[in-house]
Protein backbone atom coordinates (compact mmCIF):
# COMPACT_ATOMS: atom_id res chain seq x y z
CA MET A 1 120.96 100.56 102.03
CA PHE A 2 124.08 100.81 104.24
CA THR A 3 126.19 103.98 104.42
CA GLY A 4 124.05 105.96 102.02
CA ARG A 5 127.27 107.00 99.69
CA THR A 6 125.65 105.07 96.87
CA VAL A 7 122.42 107.15 97.22
CA ARG A 8 124.22 110.42 97.30
CA ALA A 9 126.26 109.58 94.14
CA ALA A 10 123.06 108.94 92.35
CA LEU A 11 121.31 112.18 93.81
CA ASP A 12 124.29 113.90 92.64
CA GLU A 13 123.72 112.44 89.13
CA LEU A 14 120.08 113.42 89.23
CA MET A 15 121.34 116.79 89.68
CA ASP A 16 123.23 116.95 86.56
CA PHE A 17 119.91 116.64 84.60
CA GLY A 18 118.45 119.59 86.42
CA ARG A 19 116.83 119.90 90.22
CA PRO A 20 113.80 117.51 90.44
CA LYS A 21 110.56 118.65 92.49
CA THR A 22 110.83 115.78 94.71
CA VAL A 23 112.86 112.42 95.03
CA GLN A 24 111.50 109.42 96.89
CA LEU A 25 114.04 106.63 98.09
CA VAL A 26 112.62 103.12 98.55
CA VAL A 27 114.75 100.55 99.86
CA LEU A 28 114.42 96.64 100.20
CA ILE A 29 116.61 96.28 103.09
CA ASP A 30 117.99 99.10 105.47
CA ARG A 31 121.14 97.95 107.36
CA GLY A 32 121.67 101.37 109.39
CA ASN A 33 125.30 102.52 109.95
CA ARG A 34 124.59 105.55 108.02
CA GLU A 35 127.61 107.89 107.41
CA LEU A 36 125.62 110.55 105.57
CA PRO A 37 122.25 112.01 106.85
CA ILE A 38 120.19 109.98 104.09
CA GLN A 39 116.87 108.13 105.10
CA ALA A 40 114.79 106.08 102.87
CA ASP A 41 110.97 107.00 102.46
CA PHE A 42 109.91 103.56 102.27
CA VAL A 43 111.50 100.57 103.89
CA GLY A 44 110.85 96.92 103.33
CA ARG A 45 112.83 95.87 106.37
CA ARG A 46 115.34 97.35 108.91
CA VAL A 47 118.20 95.09 109.78
CA LYS A 48 120.74 96.27 112.39
CA THR A 49 124.20 94.77 110.97
CA SER A 50 127.51 95.18 112.32
CA LEU A 51 130.32 96.32 110.03
CA ASN A 52 131.57 92.84 109.41
CA GLU A 53 128.14 91.46 108.14
CA GLU A 54 126.61 91.78 104.93
CA ILE A 55 123.41 91.02 103.61
CA ARG A 56 122.42 89.13 100.26
CA VAL A 57 119.35 89.32 98.34
CA LYS A 58 118.17 86.70 96.02
CA LEU A 59 115.30 87.11 93.76
CA ARG A 60 113.34 84.21 92.17
CA GLU A 61 113.76 85.82 88.57
CA VAL A 62 117.29 85.73 88.85
CA ASP A 63 118.49 83.07 91.42
CA GLY A 64 115.45 80.67 91.42
CA GLU A 65 114.46 81.66 95.09
CA ASP A 66 113.32 84.68 97.03
CA SER A 67 115.46 85.21 100.21
CA VAL A 68 117.38 87.61 102.19
CA ILE A 69 120.67 86.08 103.99
CA LEU A 70 122.76 87.53 106.71
CA ILE A 71 126.36 86.52 106.30
CA GLU A 72 129.55 87.29 108.46
CA ARG A 73 132.26 88.41 106.41
CA GLY A 74 135.36 86.19 107.43
């Protein structure tokens, strides 16, 4: 989770189907730098990043390994 804009778009889509009683948000990595006041209910890891950094997550089932990598964009 980064700016919160994608989460906001997902919440808007949920509302198209009717108003849910509750919504709980689970994220593997919370990067901070929020543009919207959205907070995850459950967070795997909080990692403060700058705007020129990104996080890449690899999963064994897809990539052959489990890893979280912090990369500086350049």
